[in-house]
């Protein structure tokens, strides 16, 4: 039964990118636009915490669209790694105890997309077909 799912691997790659991108985008909208309202969100500014919202907003939108996926995912992965050690690492090395599970998971999901690409349902794939 599960072997039959492998036929849908390319499409599910796109679904994973879109869903993860939308969730990442929500972090950015909460920090930059105040929607949805979340307590303890750092204001936008020229610090790592302040840059997180605008970068999550921009990277999230590009990843949802599947536009420039590999370089954007690579940058997002690196930003998540820095963010993990900046915001969560000082509270201990284990994500389950320092509250960093989400950002650690994003780091490796984006690293995967930097290697795998966007999948067939993306602007990248549409542009490759035209070329």
Protein backbone atom coordinates (compact mmCIF):
# COMPACT_ATOMS: atom_id res chain seq x y z
CA UNK A 1 0.00 0.00 0.00
CA UNK A 2 2.66 2.51 1.02
CA UNK A 3 4.74 1.75 -2.08
CA UNK A 4 1.91 3.21 -4.15
CA UNK A 5 2.43 6.56 -2.44
CA UNK A 6 5.88 6.85 -4.02
CA UNK A 7 4.13 7.67 -7.30
CA UNK A 8 3.03 10.93 -5.66
CA UNK A 9 6.45 11.86 -4.30
CA UNK A 10 6.97 14.91 -6.57
CA UNK A 11 3.54 16.34 -5.78
CA UNK A 12 3.95 15.69 -2.05
CA UNK A 13 7.29 17.51 -2.17
CA UNK A 14 5.38 20.54 -3.41
CA UNK A 15 2.67 20.09 -0.77
CA UNK A 16 5.28 19.95 2.00
CA UNK A 17 6.97 23.10 0.67
CA UNK A 18 3.67 24.98 0.44
CA UNK A 19 2.45 23.98 3.91
CA UNK A 20 5.81 24.60 5.60
CA UNK A 21 6.10 27.90 3.73
CA UNK A 22 2.64 29.00 4.88
CA UNK A 23 3.47 28.16 8.48
CA UNK A 24 6.78 30.03 8.20
CA UNK A 25 4.93 32.95 6.61
CA UNK A 26 2.55 33.03 9.61
CA UNK A 27 5.54 33.63 11.89
CA UNK A 28 6.42 36.64 9.74
CA UNK A 29 2.90 38.05 9.60
CA UNK A 30 2.59 37.79 13.39
CA UNK A 31 5.85 39.68 13.89
CA UNK A 32 5.53 42.27 11.12
CA UNK A 33 1.78 42.76 10.68
CA UNK A 34 0.60 41.79 14.16
CA UNK A 35 -1.69 39.11 12.71
CA UNK A 36 -2.42 36.81 14.28
CA UNK A 37 -1.76 38.61 17.54
CA UNK A 38 0.90 36.78 19.55
CA UNK A 39 2.41 37.91 22.85
CA UNK A 40 6.16 38.33 23.22
CA UNK A 41 6.87 38.97 19.54
CA UNK A 42 10.01 41.06 18.99
CA UNK A 43 9.45 44.33 17.13
CA UNK A 44 11.04 44.67 13.68
CA UNK A 45 14.50 46.23 13.85
CA UNK A 46 18.17 45.76 13.12
CA UNK A 47 18.81 42.88 15.49
CA UNK A 48 18.62 39.15 14.83
CA UNK A 49 15.28 39.01 16.62
CA UNK A 50 14.07 42.11 14.80
CA UNK A 51 15.07 40.74 11.40
CA UNK A 52 13.34 37.44 11.97
CA UNK A 53 9.85 38.74 11.16
CA UNK A 54 10.63 40.45 7.86
CA UNK A 55 12.81 37.53 6.73
CA UNK A 56 10.15 34.97 7.67
CA UNK A 57 7.61 37.03 5.75
CA UNK A 58 9.74 37.33 2.60
CA UNK A 59 11.24 33.83 2.69
CA UNK A 60 7.85 32.30 3.54
CA UNK A 61 6.13 34.00 0.61
CA UNK A 62 8.85 32.95 -1.83
CA UNK A 63 8.82 29.38 -0.55
CA UNK A 64 5.02 29.13 -0.82
CA UNK A 65 5.28 30.23 -4.43
CA UNK A 66 8.29 28.03 -5.09
CA UNK A 67 10.23 30.98 -6.46
CA UNK A 68 14.05 30.85 -6.16
CA UNK A 69 13.46 27.89 -3.84
CA UNK A 70 16.98 26.50 -3.55
CA UNK A 71 18.80 29.73 -2.62
CA UNK A 72 15.92 31.01 -0.47
CA UNK A 73 15.67 27.69 1.37
CA UNK A 74 19.43 27.68 1.93
CA UNK A 75 19.32 31.20 3.39
CA UNK A 76 16.27 30.38 5.49
CA UNK A 77 17.98 27.26 6.83
CA UNK A 78 21.05 29.24 7.85
CA UNK A 79 18.93 31.96 9.40
CA UNK A 80 17.03 29.33 11.41
CA UNK A 81 20.31 27.78 12.61
CA UNK A 82 21.57 31.17 13.79
CA UNK A 83 18.20 31.95 15.34
CA UNK A 84 18.16 28.65 17.20
CA UNK A 85 21.54 29.23 18.83
CA UNK A 86 20.80 32.92 19.44
CA UNK A 87 17.33 32.58 20.96
CA UNK A 88 17.13 29.01 22.26
CA UNK A 89 20.67 27.71 22.65
CA UNK A 90 21.47 29.80 25.75
CA UNK A 91 18.63 28.02 27.59
CA UNK A 92 20.22 24.62 26.98
CA UNK A 93 21.27 22.43 24.06
CA UNK A 94 18.10 20.32 23.81
CA UNK A 95 15.26 21.66 21.65
CA UNK A 96 12.59 19.93 23.73
CA UNK A 97 13.67 21.80 26.86
CA UNK A 98 14.68 25.16 25.37
CA UNK A 99 11.59 25.74 23.21
CA UNK A 100 13.48 25.49 19.94
CA UNK A 101 11.83 22.45 18.32
CA UNK A 102 10.03 24.48 15.68
CA UNK A 103 13.01 26.51 14.52
CA UNK A 104 15.26 23.44 14.55
CA UNK A 105 12.77 21.55 12.39
CA UNK A 106 12.46 24.50 9.98
CA UNK A 107 16.26 24.60 9.72
CA UNK A 108 16.41 21.05 8.39
CA UNK A 109 13.23 21.24 6.30
CA UNK A 110 14.66 24.27 4.47
CA UNK A 111 18.04 22.55 4.12
CA UNK A 112 16.21 19.62 2.49
CA UNK A 113 14.50 21.97 0.01
CA UNK A 114 17.83 23.64 -0.77
CA UNK A 115 18.97 20.22 -1.97
CA UNK A 116 15.71 18.80 -3.39
CA UNK A 117 14.22 21.86 -5.07
CA UNK A 118 10.62 23.05 -5.10
CA UNK A 119 8.80 20.18 -6.76
CA UNK A 120 6.51 20.31 -9.78
CA UNK A 121 3.92 22.74 -8.39
CA UNK A 122 6.11 25.83 -8.25
CA UNK A 123 7.11 28.93 -10.14
CA UNK A 124 10.60 27.43 -10.43
CA UNK A 125 9.20 24.40 -12.28
CA UNK A 126 7.06 26.59 -14.55
CA UNK A 127 10.06 28.75 -15.43
CA UNK A 128 12.17 25.66 -16.15
CA UNK A 129 9.51 24.37 -18.57
CA UNK A 130 9.57 27.66 -20.49
CA UNK A 131 13.37 27.67 -20.75
